[in-house]
PDB file of N, CA and C in Angstrom:
ATOM      1  N   MET A   1      75.301 -61.651  32.326  1.00  0.00           N
ATOM      2  CA  MET A   1      75.851 -60.764  33.563  1.00  0.00           C
ATOM      3  C   MET A   1      76.389 -59.500  33.223  1.00  0.00           C
ATOM      4  N   ARG A   2      76.663 -59.233  31.643  1.00  0.00           N
ATOM      5  CA  ARG A   2      77.327 -58.128  30.791  1.00  0.00           C
ATOM      6  C   ARG A   2      75.896 -56.833  31.012  1.00  0.00           C
ATOM      7  N   ALA A   3      75.412 -57.382  31.114  1.00  0.00           N
ATOM      8  CA  ALA A   3      74.085 -56.729  30.510  1.00  0.00           C
ATOM      9  C   ALA A   3      73.400 -56.154  32.211  1.00  0.00           C
ATOM     10  N   MET A   4      74.233 -57.497  33.610  1.00  0.00           N
ATOM     11  CA  MET A   4      73.318 -56.748  34.744  1.00  0.00           C
ATOM     12  C   MET A   4      74.390 -56.070  35.341  1.00  0.00           C
ATOM     13  N   ASP A   5      75.952 -56.149  34.935  1.00  0.00           N
ATOM     14  CA  ASP A   5      76.914 -55.204  35.785  1.00  0.00           C
ATOM     15  C   ASP A   5      76.427 -53.837  34.662  1.00  0.00           C
ATOM     16  N   PHE A   6      76.318 -53.837  33.406  1.00  0.00           N
ATOM     17  CA  PHE A   6      76.122 -52.207  32.696  1.00  0.00           C
ATOM     18  C   PHE A   6      74.539 -51.955  33.463  1.00  0.00           C
ATOM     19  N   THR A   7      73.506 -52.726  33.879  1.00  0.00           N
ATOM     20  CA  THR A   7      72.705 -51.657  34.723  1.00  0.00           C
ATOM     21  C   THR A   7      73.237 -50.955  35.840  1.00  0.00           C
ATOM     22  N   ARG A   8      73.833 -51.921  36.781  1.00  0.00           N
ATOM     23  CA  ARG A   8      73.892 -51.164  37.523  1.00  0.00           C
ATOM     24  C   ARG A   8      74.920 -50.045  37.719  1.00  0.00           C
ATOM     25  N   ALA A   9      76.116 -49.858  36.561  1.00  0.00           N
ATOM     26  CA  ALA A   9      76.819 -49.154  36.015  1.00  0.00           C
ATOM     27  C   ALA A   9      76.122 -48.064  35.865  1.00  0.00           C
ATOM     28  N   LEU A  10      75.147 -48.132  35.780  1.00  0.00           N
ATOM     29  CA  LEU A  10      74.399 -46.629  35.136  1.00  0.00           C
ATOM     30  C   LEU A  10      73.523 -46.639  36.782  1.00  0.00           C
ATOM     31  N   GLY A  11      73.796 -46.995  37.484  1.00  0.00           N
ATOM     32  CA  GLY A  11      72.553 -46.134  38.857  1.00  0.00           C
ATOM     33  C   GLY A  11      71.596 -47.536  39.185  1.00  0.00           C
ATOM     34  N   LYS A  12      70.709 -48.530  38.160  1.00  0.00           N
ATOM     35  CA  LYS A  12      69.900 -48.804  38.109  1.00  0.00           C
ATOM     36  C   LYS A  12      70.414 -50.117  38.570  1.00  0.00           C
ATOM     37  N   THR A  13      69.182 -51.383  39.698  1.00  0.00           N
ATOM     38  CA  THR A  13      68.671 -52.285  39.607  1.00  0.00           C
ATOM     39  C   THR A  13      68.128 -52.961  38.668  1.00  0.00           C
ATOM     40  N   PRO A  14      69.292 -53.868  38.253  1.00  0.00           N
ATOM     41  CA  PRO A  14      68.447 -55.059  37.482  1.00  0.00           C
ATOM     42  C   PRO A  14      67.711 -56.639  38.255  1.00  0.00           C
ATOM     43  N   VAL A  15      67.340 -57.171  37.404  1.00  0.00           N
ATOM     44  CA  VAL A  15      66.561 -58.053  38.357  1.00  0.00           C
ATOM     45  C   VAL A  15      66.691 -59.192  37.467  1.00  0.00           C
ATOM     46  N   GLU A  16      66.633 -60.227  37.559  1.00  0.00           N
ATOM     47  CA  GLU A  16      66.575 -61.455  36.847  1.00  0.00           C
ATOM     48  C   GLU A  16      65.394 -62.253  36.824  1.00  0.00           C
ATOM     49  N   CYS A  17      64.803 -62.723  35.268  1.00  0.00           N
ATOM     50  CA  CYS A  17      63.573 -63.202  35.024  1.00  0.00           C
ATOM     51  C   CYS A  17      63.886 -64.498  33.688  1.00  0.00           C
ATOM     52  N   ILE A  18      63.060 -65.172  33.636  1.00  0.00           N
ATOM     53  CA  ILE A  18      63.553 -66.347  32.005  1.00  0.00           C
ATOM     54  C   ILE A  18      63.038 -64.986  30.918  1.00  0.00           C
ATOM     55  N   ASP A  19      62.661 -65.209  30.035  1.00  0.00           N
ATOM     56  CA  ASP A  19      62.339 -64.771  28.723  1.00  0.00           C
ATOM     57  C   ASP A  19      60.645 -65.156  28.708  1.00  0.00           C
ATOM     58  N   THR A  20      60.315 -64.390  29.169  1.00  0.00           N
ATOM     59  CA  THR A  20      58.213 -64.328  29.117  1.00  0.00           C
ATOM     60  C   THR A  20      57.726 -63.026  28.441  1.00  0.00           C
ATOM     61  N   PRO A  21      56.914 -63.429  28.287  1.00  0.00           N
ATOM     62  CA  PRO A  21      56.050 -61.979  27.755  1.00  0.00           C
ATOM     63  C   PRO A  21      55.915 -60.780  28.442  1.00  0.00           C
ATOM     64  N   GLY A  22      56.778 -59.743  28.011  1.00  0.00           N
ATOM     65  CA  GLY A  22      56.677 -58.221  28.619  1.00  0.00           C
ATOM     66  C   GLY A  22      57.963 -58.612  30.144  1.00  0.00           C
ATOM     67  N   PHE A  23      58.168 -59.330  30.064  1.00  0.00           N
ATOM     68  CA  PHE A  23      59.544 -59.014  31.044  1.00  0.00           C
ATOM     69  C   PHE A  23      58.420 -59.828  32.508  1.00  0.00           C
ATOM     70  N   VAL A  24      58.709 -59.086  33.793  1.00  0.00           N
ATOM     71  CA  VAL A  24      58.381 -59.131  34.795  1.00  0.00           C
ATOM     72  C   VAL A  24      57.259 -57.670  34.592  1.00  0.00           C
ATOM     73  N   VAL A  25      57.588 -56.635  34.178  1.00  0.00           N
ATOM     74  CA  VAL A  25      56.567 -55.263  34.875  1.00  0.00           C
ATOM     75  C   VAL A  25      55.777 -55.466  34.005  1.00  0.00           C
ATOM     76  N   ASN A  26      56.066 -55.267  32.674  1.00  0.00           N
ATOM     77  CA  ASN A  26      54.513 -55.705  31.075  1.00  0.00           C
ATOM     78  C   ASN A  26      53.934 -56.014  32.001  1.00  0.00           C
ATOM     79  N   ARG A  27      54.554 -57.277  31.760  1.00  0.00           N
ATOM     80  CA  ARG A  27      53.692 -59.079  32.211  1.00  0.00           C
ATOM     81  C   ARG A  27      53.046 -58.818  33.628  1.00  0.00           C
ATOM     82  N   LEU A  28      53.151 -58.262  34.621  1.00  0.00           N
ATOM     83  CA  LEU A  28      51.956 -57.945  35.119  1.00  0.00           C
ATOM     84  C   LEU A  28      51.286 -56.762  34.747  1.00  0.00           C
ATOM     85  N   LEU A  29      51.637 -55.352  34.014  1.00  0.00           N
ATOM     86  CA  LEU A  29      51.311 -54.465  34.427  1.00  0.00           C
ATOM     87  C   LEU A  29      49.874 -54.448  33.218  1.00  0.00           C
ATOM     88  N   VAL A  30      50.368 -54.771  31.641  1.00  0.00           N
ATOM     89  CA  VAL A  30      49.600 -55.317  31.172  1.00  0.00           C
ATOM     90  C   VAL A  30      47.689 -55.457  30.903  1.00  0.00           C
ATOM     91  N   PRO A  31      47.968 -56.785  31.458  1.00  0.00           N
ATOM     92  CA  PRO A  31      46.842 -57.265  32.210  1.00  0.00           C
ATOM     93  C   PRO A  31      46.255 -57.319  33.343  1.00  0.00           C
ATOM     94  N   TYR A  32      46.618 -55.995  33.788  1.00  0.00           N
ATOM     95  CA  TYR A  32      46.418 -55.479  35.665  1.00  0.00           C
ATOM     96  C   TYR A  32      45.176 -54.176  35.105  1.00  0.00           C
ATOM     97  N   LEU A  33      45.755 -53.851  33.957  1.00  0.00           N
ATOM     98  CA  LEU A  33      45.502 -52.922  32.905  1.00  0.00           C
ATOM     99  C   LEU A  33      43.679 -53.440  32.388  1.00  0.00           C
ATOM    100  N   CYS A  34      44.023 -53.975  31.960  1.00  0.00           N
ATOM    101  CA  CYS A  34      42.779 -54.889  31.127  1.00  0.00           C
ATOM    102  C   CYS A  34      41.728 -55.886  32.056  1.00  0.00           C
ATOM    103  N   SER A  35      41.885 -55.993  33.461  1.00  0.00           N
ATOM    104  CA  SER A  35      41.132 -56.240  34.064  1.00  0.00           C
ATOM    105  C   SER A  35      39.971 -55.176  34.719  1.00  0.00           C
ATOM    106  N   ALA A  36      40.901 -53.883  35.041  1.00  0.00           N
ATOM    107  CA  ALA A  36      40.965 -52.568  35.274  1.00  0.00           C
ATOM    108  C   ALA A  36      39.393 -52.038  34.589  1.00  0.00           C
ATOM    109  N   LEU A  37      39.878 -52.039  33.079  1.00  0.00           N
ATOM    110  CA  LEU A  37      39.003 -52.216  31.666  1.00  0.00           C
ATOM    111  C   LEU A  37      37.631 -52.918  31.855  1.00  0.00           C
ATOM    112  N   THR A  38      38.129 -54.077  32.351  1.00  0.00           N
ATOM    113  CA  THR A  38      36.970 -55.227  32.263  1.00  0.00           C
ATOM    114  C   THR A  38      36.483 -54.471  33.434  1.00  0.00           C
ATOM    115  N   LEU A  39      36.528 -54.539  34.735  1.00  0.00           N
ATOM    116  CA  LEU A  39      35.602 -53.501  35.831  1.00  0.00           C
ATOM    117  C   LEU A  39      34.453 -52.651  35.494  1.00  0.00           C
ATOM    118  N   VAL A  40      35.166 -51.576  34.723  1.00  0.00           N
ATOM    119  CA  VAL A  40      34.698 -50.834  34.132  1.00  0.00           C
ATOM    120  C   VAL A  40      33.125 -50.850  33.536  1.00  0.00           C
ATOM    121  N   GLU A  41      33.779 -51.515  32.498  1.00  0.00           N
ATOM    122  CA  GLU A  41      32.682 -52.991  31.077  1.00  0.00           C
ATOM    123  C   GLU A  41      31.731 -53.116  31.868  1.00  0.00           C
ATOM    124  N   ARG A  42      31.914 -54.250  33.361  1.00  0.00           N
ATOM    125  CA  ARG A  42      30.861 -54.153  33.587  1.00  0.00           C
ATOM    126  C   ARG A  42      29.473 -53.831  34.401  1.00  0.00           C
ATOM    127  N   GLY A  43      29.837 -52.614  34.858  1.00  0.00           N
ATOM    128  CA  GLY A  43      29.267 -52.060  35.765  1.00  0.00           C
ATOM    129  C   GLY A  43      30.133 -52.255  37.018  1.00  0.00           C
ATOM    130  N   VAL A  44      30.921 -52.024  37.306  1.00  0.00           N
ATOM    131  CA  VAL A  44      31.269 -53.112  38.822  1.00  0.00           C
ATOM    132  C   VAL A  44      31.545 -51.394  39.795  1.00  0.00           C
ATOM    133  N   ALA A  45      32.092 -50.388  38.543  1.00  0.00           N
ATOM    134  CA  ALA A  45      33.162 -49.079  38.886  1.00  0.00           C
ATOM    135  C   ALA A  45      32.893 -48.339  38.151  1.00  0.00           C
ATOM    136  N   SER A  46      32.843 -46.968  38.362  1.00  0.00           N
ATOM    137  CA  SER A  46      33.181 -46.077  37.210  1.00  0.00           C
ATOM    138  C   SER A  46      35.123 -45.962  36.923  1.00  0.00           C
ATOM    139  N   ALA A  47      35.369 -45.325  35.204  1.00  0.00           N
ATOM    140  CA  ALA A  47      36.383 -44.880  35.548  1.00  0.00           C
ATOM    141  C   ALA A  47      37.273 -44.760  36.463  1.00  0.00           C
ATOM    142  N   ALA A  48      36.898 -43.673  37.414  1.00  0.00           N
ATOM    143  CA  ALA A  48      37.309 -42.902  38.172  1.00  0.00           C
ATOM    144  C   ALA A  48      37.533 -43.565  38.956  1.00  0.00           C
ATOM    145  N   ASP A  49      36.614 -43.925  39.961  1.00  0.00           N
ATOM    146  CA  ASP A  49      36.336 -44.934  40.527  1.00  0.00           C
ATOM    147  C   ASP A  49      37.111 -45.865  40.736  1.00  0.00           C
ATOM    148  N   VAL A  50      37.125 -46.918  40.007  1.00  0.00           N
ATOM    149  CA  VAL A  50      38.614 -47.781  39.737  1.00  0.00           C
ATOM    150  C   VAL A  50      39.437 -47.332  40.254  1.00  0.00           C
ATOM    151  N   ASP A  51      40.235 -45.588  39.862  1.00  0.00           N
ATOM    152  CA  ASP A  51      41.569 -45.437  39.836  1.00  0.00           C
ATOM    153  C   ASP A  51      41.679 -44.950  41.554  1.00  0.00           C
ATOM    154  N   VAL A  52      40.435 -44.098  42.275  1.00  0.00           N
ATOM    155  CA  VAL A  52      40.808 -43.953  42.738  1.00  0.00           C
ATOM    156  C   VAL A  52      41.255 -45.234  44.222  1.00  0.00           C
ATOM    157  N   ALA A  53      40.608 -46.168  43.948  1.00  0.00           N
ATOM    158  CA  ALA A  53      40.227 -47.138  44.743  1.00  0.00           C
ATOM    159  C   ALA A  53      42.015 -48.055  45.054  1.00  0.00           C
ATOM    160  N   MET A  54      42.151 -48.033  43.284  1.00  0.00           N
ATOM    161  CA  MET A  54      43.958 -48.393  43.414  1.00  0.00           C
ATOM    162  C   MET A  54      44.353 -47.328  43.721  1.00  0.00           C
ATOM    163  N   LYS A  55      44.488 -46.227  44.017  1.00  0.00           N
ATOM    164  CA  LYS A  55      45.738 -44.594  44.159  1.00  0.00           C
ATOM    165  C   LYS A  55      45.489 -44.836  45.914  1.00  0.00           C
ATOM    166  N   LEU A  56      44.351 -44.831  46.480  1.00  0.00           N
ATOM    167  CA  LEU A  56      44.155 -44.694  47.529  1.00  0.00           C
ATOM    168  C   LEU A  56      44.037 -46.349  48.287  1.00  0.00           C
ATOM    169  N   GLY A  57      44.022 -47.001  48.196  1.00  0.00           N
ATOM    170  CA  GLY A  57      43.076 -48.816  48.835  1.00  0.00           C
ATOM    171  C   GLY A  57      44.978 -49.390  48.700  1.00  0.00           C
ATOM    172  N   ALA A  58      45.600 -49.388  47.097  1.00  0.00           N
ATOM    173  CA  ALA A  58      46.593 -49.663  46.885  1.00  0.00           C
ATOM    174  C   ALA A  58      48.374 -48.595  47.765  1.00  0.00           C
ATOM    175  N   GLY A  59      47.775 -47.983  47.233  1.00  0.00           N
ATOM    176  CA  GLY A  59      48.800 -46.453  47.627  1.00  0.00           C
ATOM    177  C   GLY A  59      49.688 -46.219  46.169  1.00  0.00           C
ATOM    178  N   HIS A  60      48.878 -46.464  45.287  1.00  0.00           N
ATOM    179  CA  HIS A  60      49.676 -46.535  43.731  1.00  0.00           C
ATOM    180  C   HIS A  60      49.857 -45.045  43.343  1.00  0.00           C
ATOM    181  N   PRO A  61      50.536 -44.970  42.737  1.00  0.00           N
ATOM    182  CA  PRO A  61      50.594 -42.824  43.084  1.00  0.00           C
ATOM    183  C   PRO A  61      49.766 -42.595  42.000  1.00  0.00           C
ATOM    184  N   MET A  62      48.952 -43.527  40.673  1.00  0.00           N
ATOM    185  CA  MET A  62      47.821 -42.938  39.551  1.00  0.00           C
ATOM    186  C   MET A  62      47.040 -44.300  39.229  1.00  0.00           C
ATOM    187  N   GLY A  63      45.908 -43.969  38.965  1.00  0.00           N
ATOM    188  CA  GLY A  63      44.866 -45.718  38.846  1.00  0.00           C
ATOM    189  C   GLY A  63      45.628 -45.956  37.603  1.00  0.00           C
ATOM    190  N   PRO A  64      45.112 -47.225  37.655  1.00  0.00           N
ATOM    191  CA  PRO A  64      44.777 -47.984  36.385  1.00  0.00           C
ATOM    192  C   PRO A  64      44.344 -47.497  34.816  1.00  0.00           C
ATOM    193  N   ILE A  65      43.461 -46.925  34.792  1.00  0.00           N
ATOM    194  CA  ILE A  65      42.713 -46.352  33.823  1.00  0.00           C
ATOM    195  C   ILE A  65      43.248 -45.158  33.536  1.00  0.00           C
ATOM    196  N   ALA A  66      44.114 -43.982  33.517  1.00  0.00           N
ATOM    197  CA  ALA A  66      44.088 -42.982  33.900  1.00  0.00           C
ATOM    198  C   ALA A  66      46.197 -43.864  33.088  1.00  0.00           C
ATOM    199  N   LEU A  67      46.851 -44.652  34.050  1.00  0.00           N
ATOM    200  CA  LEU A  67      48.282 -45.492  33.432  1.00  0.00           C
ATOM    201  C   LEU A  67      47.566 -45.580  32.043  1.00  0.00           C
ATOM    202  N   ALA A  68      46.896 -46.217  31.528  1.00  0.00           N
ATOM    203  CA  ALA A  68      46.529 -46.863  30.315  1.00  0.00           C
ATOM    204  C   ALA A  68      45.555 -45.873  29.161  1.00  0.00           C
ATOM    205  N   ASP A  69      45.502 -44.334  30.327  1.00  0.00           N
ATOM    206  CA  ASP A  69      45.032 -43.463  28.942  1.00  0.00           C
ATOM    207  C   ASP A  69      47.429 -43.178  28.850  1.00  0.00           C
ATOM    208  N   TYR A  70      47.630 -43.068  29.960  1.00  0.00           N
ATOM    209  CA  TYR A  70      48.808 -42.522  29.796  1.00  0.00           C
ATOM    210  C   TYR A  70      49.983 -42.895  28.845  1.00  0.00           C
ATOM    211  N   VAL A  71      50.343 -43.969  29.433  1.00  0.00           N
ATOM    212  CA  VAL A  71      51.106 -44.604  27.852  1.00  0.00           C
ATOM    213  C   VAL A  71      50.408 -45.201  26.823  1.00  0.00           C
ATOM    214  N   GLY A  72      49.185 -44.538  26.330  1.00  0.00           N
ATOM    215  CA  GLY A  72      48.625 -44.802  24.776  1.00  0.00           C
ATOM    216  C   GLY A  72      48.139 -45.746  24.839  1.00  0.00           C
ATOM    217  N   LEU A  73      46.297 -45.843  24.502  1.00  0.00           N
ATOM    218  CA  LEU A  73      45.417 -47.326  24.923  1.00  0.00           C
ATOM    219  C   LEU A  73      45.992 -47.843  22.795  1.00  0.00           C
ATOM    220  N   ASP A  74      46.345 -47.283  22.437  1.00  0.00           N
ATOM    221  CA  ASP A  74      47.168 -47.936  21.408  1.00  0.00           C
ATOM    222  C   ASP A  74      47.652 -49.145  21.564  1.00  0.00           C
ATOM    223  N   THR A  75      49.075 -48.171  22.313  1.00  0.00           N
ATOM    224  CA  THR A  75      49.420 -48.775  22.825  1.00  0.00           C
ATOM    225  C   THR A  75      49.355 -50.223  23.376  1.00  0.00           C
ATOM    226  N   CYS A  76      49.215 -49.944  24.467  1.00  0.00           N
ATOM    227  CA  CYS A  76      48.559 -51.399  25.297  1.00  0.00           C
ATOM    228  C   CYS A  76      47.586 -51.779  24.182  1.00  0.00           C
ATOM    229  N   LEU A  77      46.402 -51.423  23.282  1.00  0.00           N
ATOM    230  CA  LEU A  77      45.805 -52.769  22.819  1.00  0.00           C
ATOM    231  C   LEU A  77      47.021 -53.350  21.420  1.00  0.00           C
ATOM    232  N   ALA A  78      48.043 -52.830  21.069  1.00  0.00           N
ATOM    233  CA  ALA A  78      48.623 -53.815  20.384  1.00  0.00           C
ATOM    234  C   ALA A  78      49.649 -54.553  20.952  1.00  0.00           C
ATOM    235  N   ILE A  79      50.061 -54.336  22.611  1.00  0.00           N
ATOM    236  CA  ILE A  79      50.761 -55.087  23.209  1.00  0.00           C
ATOM    237  C   ILE A  79      49.873 -56.501  23.265  1.00  0.00           C
ATOM    238  N   ILE A  80      48.955 -56.556  24.169  1.00  0.00           N
ATOM    239  CA  ILE A  80      48.147 -57.213  24.526  1.00  0.00           C
ATOM    240  C   ILE A  80      47.506 -58.052  23.491  1.00  0.00           C
ATOM    241  N   SER A  81      46.722 -57.545  22.285  1.00  0.00           N
ATOM    242  CA  SER A  81      46.770 -58.116  20.936  1.00  0.00           C
ATOM    243  C   SER A  81      47.392 -59.202  20.415  1.00  0.00           C
ATOM    244  N   GLY A  82      48.966 -58.476  20.382  1.00  0.00           N
ATOM    245  CA  GLY A  82      50.137 -59.435  20.449  1.00  0.00           C
ATOM    246  C   GLY A  82      50.118 -60.894  21.291  1.00  0.00           C
ATOM    247  N   TRP A  83      49.686 -60.077  21.909  1.00  0.00           N
ATOM    248  CA  TRP A  83      49.935 -61.413  23.112  1.00  0.00           C
ATOM    249  C   TRP A  83      48.984 -62.576  23.093  1.00  0.00           C
ATOM    250  N   LYS A  84      47.601 -62.413  23.253  1.00  0.00           N
ATOM    251  CA  LYS A  84      46.723 -62.709  23.053  1.00  0.00           C
ATOM    252  C   LYS A  84      47.174 -63.175  21.801  1.00  0.00           C
ATOM    253  N   GLN A  85      47.157 -63.563  21.087  1.00  0.00           N
ATOM    254  CA  GLN A  85      47.420 -63.930  19.150  1.00  0.00           C
ATOM    255  C   GLN A  85      48.627 -64.962  19.759  1.00  0.00           C
ATOM    256  N   GLU A  86      49.460 -64.650  20.162  1.00  0.00           N
ATOM    257  CA  GLU A  86      50.904 -65.183  20.663  1.00  0.00           C
ATOM    258  C   GLU A  86      50.402 -66.738  21.191  1.00  0.00           C
ATOM    259  N   PHE A  87      49.702 -66.368  22.574  1.00  0.00           N
ATOM    260  CA  PHE A  87      49.324 -66.863  23.904  1.00  0.00           C
ATOM    261  C   PHE A  87      48.001 -67.399  23.873  1.00  0.00           C
ATOM    262  N   PRO A  88      46.928 -67.386  22.514  1.00  0.00           N
ATOM    263  CA  PRO A  88      45.700 -67.460  22.921  1.00  0.00           C
ATOM    264  C   PRO A  88      45.349 -68.104  24.371  1.00  0.00           C
ATOM    265  N   ASP A  89      46.054 -69.441  24.985  1.00  0.00           N
ATOM    266  CA  ASP A  89      45.532 -70.356  25.815  1.00  0.00           C
ATOM    267  C   ASP A  89      45.643 -69.504  27.774  1.00  0.00           C
ATOM    268  N   ASP A  90      46.575 -68.341  27.116  1.00  0.00           N
ATOM    269  CA  ASP A  90      46.837 -67.513  28.675  1.00  0.00           C
ATOM    270  C   ASP A  90      45.940 -66.550  28.427  1.00  0.00           C
ATOM    271  N   PRO A  91      45.109 -66.922  30.256  1.00  0.00           N
ATOM    272  CA  PRO A  91      43.824 -66.154  30.344  1.00  0.00           C
ATOM    273  C   PRO A  91      44.156 -65.581  30.436  1.00  0.00           C
ATOM    274  N   ALA A  92      45.712 -64.780  31.043  1.00  0.00           N
ATOM    275  CA  ALA A  92      45.693 -63.998  31.311  1.00  0.00           C
ATOM    276  C   ALA A  92      46.146 -62.249  30.638  1.00  0.00           C
ATOM    277  N   PHE A  93      46.058 -63.023  28.801  1.00  0.00           N
ATOM    278  CA  PHE A  93      46.038 -62.249  28.014  1.00  0.00           C
ATOM    279  C   PHE A  93      44.411 -61.919  27.369  1.00  0.00           C
ATOM    280  N   PHE A  94      43.962 -61.389  27.238  1.00  0.00           N
ATOM    281  CA  PHE A  94      42.448 -60.936  26.816  1.00  0.00           C
ATOM    282  C   PHE A  94      42.384 -59.181  26.486  1.00  0.00           C
ATOM    283  N   VAL A  95      41.283 -59.135  25.438  1.00  0.00           N
ATOM    284  CA  VAL A  95      41.769 -57.470  25.170  1.00  0.00           C
ATOM    285  C   VAL A  95      40.061 -56.776  24.959  1.00  0.00           C
ATOM    286  N   PRO A  96      40.100 -55.954  26.430  1.00  0.00           N
ATOM    287  CA  PRO A  96      38.645 -55.499  26.670  1.00  0.00           C
ATOM    288  C   PRO A  96      37.909 -54.743  25.601  1.00  0.00           C
ATOM    289  N   ASP A  97      36.482 -55.249  24.970  1.00  0.00           N
ATOM    290  CA  ASP A  97      36.232 -54.798  23.613  1.00  0.00           C
ATOM    291  C   ASP A  97      35.794 -52.715  24.154  1.00  0.00           C
ATOM    292  N   SER A  98      36.176 -52.006  24.982  1.00  0.00           N
ATOM    293  CA  SER A  98      35.810 -50.978  25.518  1.00  0.00           C
ATOM    294  C   SER A  98      37.626 -50.125  24.967  1.00  0.00           C
ATOM    295  N   LEU A  99      38.459 -51.295  25.263  1.00  0.00           N
ATOM    296  CA  LEU A  99      39.709 -50.851  24.699  1.00  0.00           C
ATOM    297  C   LEU A  99      40.025 -50.494  23.120  1.00  0.00           C
ATOM    298  N   LYS A 100      39.410 -51.821  22.656  1.00  0.00           N
ATOM    299  CA  LYS A 100      39.718 -51.390  21.375  1.00  0.00           C
ATOM    300  C   LYS A 100      38.547 -50.713  20.494  1.00  0.00           C
ATOM    301  N   ALA A 101      37.366 -50.078  21.492  1.00  0.00           N
ATOM    302  CA  ALA A 101      35.641 -49.317  20.384  1.00  0.00           C
ATOM    303  C   ALA A 101      36.869 -47.617  21.039  1.00  0.00           C
ATOM    304  N   LYS A 102      37.709 -47.577  22.033  1.00  0.00           N
ATOM    305  CA  LYS A 102      38.302 -46.244  22.407  1.00  0.00           C
ATOM    306  C   LYS A 102      39.961 -45.631  21.093  1.00  0.00           C
ATOM    307  N   VAL A 103      40.434 -47.061  20.912  1.00  0.00           N
ATOM    308  CA  VAL A 103      41.315 -47.139  19.594  1.00  0.00           C
ATOM    309  C   VAL A 103      40.748 -46.354  18.590  1.00  0.00           C
ATOM    310  N   ALA A 104      40.129 -47.515  17.901  1.00  0.00           N
ATOM    311  CA  ALA A 104      38.826 -47.185  16.396  1.00  0.00           C
ATOM    312  C   ALA A 104      38.580 -45.712  16.407  1.00  0.00           C
ATOM    313  N   GLU A 105      37.304 -45.724  18.096  1.00  0.00           N
ATOM    314  CA  GLU A 105      37.776 -43.982  18.030  1.00  0.00           C
ATOM    315  C   GLU A 105      38.739 -42.443  17.850  1.00  0.00           C
ATOM    316  N   GLY A 106      39.713 -42.934  17.787  1.00  0.00           N
ATOM    317  CA  GLY A 106      40.625 -42.048  17.614  1.00  0.00           C
ATOM    318  C   GLY A 106      41.241 -41.908  19.520  1.00  0.00           C
ATOM    319  N   LYS A 107      40.400 -42.285  20.117  1.00  0.00           N
ATOM    320  CA  LYS A 107      40.542 -41.830  21.872  1.00  0.00           C
ATOM    321  C   LYS A 107      41.703 -43.007  21.977  1.00  0.00           C
ATOM    322  N   LEU A 108      42.587 -41.953  22.034  1.00  0.00           N
ATOM    323  CA  LEU A 108      44.603 -42.832  22.418  1.00  0.00           C
ATOM    324  C   LEU A 108      44.376 -42.469  23.707  1.00  0.00           C
ATOM    325  N   GLY A 109      44.138 -42.162  25.001  1.00  0.00           N
ATOM    326  CA  GLY A 109      44.515 -41.508  25.954  1.00  0.00           C
ATOM    327  C   GLY A 109      45.456 -39.758  25.072  1.00  0.00           C
ATOM    328  N   ARG A 110      46.471 -39.745  26.576  1.00  0.00           N
ATOM    329  CA  ARG A 110      46.756 -38.300  26.489  1.00  0.00           C
ATOM    330  C   ARG A 110      47.566 -37.968  25.319  1.00  0.00           C
ATOM    331  N   LYS A 111      48.137 -39.089  24.662  1.00  0.00           N
ATOM    332  CA  LYS A 111      48.437 -38.233  23.316  1.00  0.00           C
ATOM    333  C   LYS A 111      47.648 -38.010  21.697  1.00  0.00           C
ATOM    334  N   SER A 112      45.983 -38.302  22.437  1.00  0.00           N
ATOM    335  CA  SER A 112      44.513 -37.832  21.384  1.00  0.00           C
ATOM    336  C   SER A 112      43.916 -36.341  22.207  1.00  0.00           C
ATOM    337  N   GLY A 113      44.784 -36.688  23.810  1.00  0.00           N
ATOM    338  CA  GLY A 113      43.501 -35.087  24.456  1.00  0.00           C
ATOM    339  C   GLY A 113      42.711 -35.922  25.548  1.00  0.00           C
ATOM    340  N   GLU A 114      42.505 -37.600  24.701  1.00  0.00           N
ATOM    341  CA  GLU A 114      40.901 -38.126  25.970  1.00  0.00           C
ATOM    342  C   GLU A 114      40.861 -39.782  24.671  1.00  0.00           C
ATOM    343  N   GLY A 115      41.188 -40.671  26.482  1.00  0.00           N
ATOM    344  CA  GLY A 115      40.779 -41.313  26.255  1.00  0.00           C
ATOM    345  C   GLY A 115      39.769 -42.074  27.074  1.00  0.00           C
ATOM    346  N   PHE A 116      39.849 -42.419  28.087  1.00  0.00           N
ATOM    347  CA  PHE A 116      38.890 -43.202  29.369  1.00  0.00           C
ATOM    348  C   PHE A 116      38.526 -41.212  30.250  1.00  0.00           C
ATOM    349  N   PHE A 117      39.628 -40.990  30.259  1.00  0.00           N
ATOM    350  CA  PHE A 117      39.756 -39.627  30.265  1.00  0.00           C
ATOM    351  C   PHE A 117      39.789 -38.857  29.577  1.00  0.00           C
ATOM    352  N   VAL A 118      40.026 -36.959  30.216  1.00  0.00           N
ATOM    353  CA  VAL A 118      39.952 -36.230  29.394  1.00  0.00           C
ATOM    354  C   VAL A 118      41.523 -35.610  29.323  1.00  0.00           C
ATOM    355  N   TRP A 119      42.693 -34.801  28.705  1.00  0.00           N
ATOM    356  CA  TRP A 119      43.733 -34.547  29.800  1.00  0.00           C
ATOM    357  C   TRP A 119      44.244 -33.520  29.155  1.00  0.00           C
ATOM    358  N   ASP A 120      44.700 -33.105  29.346  1.00  0.00           N
ATOM    359  CA  ASP A 120      45.534 -31.366  28.916  1.00  0.00           C
ATOM    360  C   ASP A 120      46.826 -30.832  28.884  1.00  0.00           C
ATOM    361  N   GLY A 121      47.324 -31.924  27.648  1.00  0.00           N
ATOM    362  CA  GLY A 121      48.817 -32.135  27.635  1.00  0.00           C
ATOM    363  C   GLY A 121      49.466 -33.568  28.922  1.00  0.00           C
ATOM    364  N   ASP A 122      50.287 -33.569  29.473  1.00  0.00           N
ATOM    365  CA  ASP A 122      50.638 -34.492  30.646  1.00  0.00           C
ATOM    366  C   ASP A 122      49.566 -34.305  31.557  1.00  0.00           C
ATOM    367  N   LYS A 123      48.750 -33.976  31.949  1.00  0.00           N
ATOM    368  CA  LYS A 123      47.749 -33.400  33.167  1.00  0.00           C
ATOM    369  C   LYS A 123      46.148 -33.898  33.168  1.00  0.00           C
ATOM    370  N   LEU A 124      45.916 -35.145  33.637  1.00  0.00           N
ATOM    371  CA  LEU A 124      44.715 -35.041  33.460  1.00  0.00           C
ATOM    372  C   LEU A 124      43.732 -33.778  33.361  1.00  0.00           C
ATOM    373  N   ALA A 125      42.408 -33.439  32.859  1.00  0.00           N
ATOM    374  CA  ALA A 125      42.398 -32.147  32.872  1.00  0.00           C
ATOM    375  C   ALA A 125      41.660 -32.081  34.109  1.00  0.00           C
ATOM    376  N   ALA A 126      41.002 -30.851  34.935  1.00  0.00           N
ATOM    377  CA  ALA A 126      40.511 -30.964  35.432  1.00  0.00           C
ATOM    378  C   ALA A 126      38.906 -30.424  35.549  1.00  0.00           C
TER     379      ALA A 126
END
């Protein structure tokens, strides 16, 4: 209860959940990012089209692949790999081949200037 009160004192809205990998936000977000990458791997749509679809179709301010780039592909890989190792039977935790390949190439997204997209600082390059 102290953590909830502290969070409110900061002007934030706390949520309560059990101890689960990533709690609520990252538990949903990281597998979502991996699913988006899998759509691109399978040729369902390009990275740009997946992002446009989620921005326009779901009202997201940033598409999932740009978001993965923004967070850092190495960070995404570390999170999902750890969860996959700890919970190998959970189908939500899988590591897309394209994510492993980009990180192996040193293409980490925004922090390296290139990932699935090209970056100019904190903005997608035109």
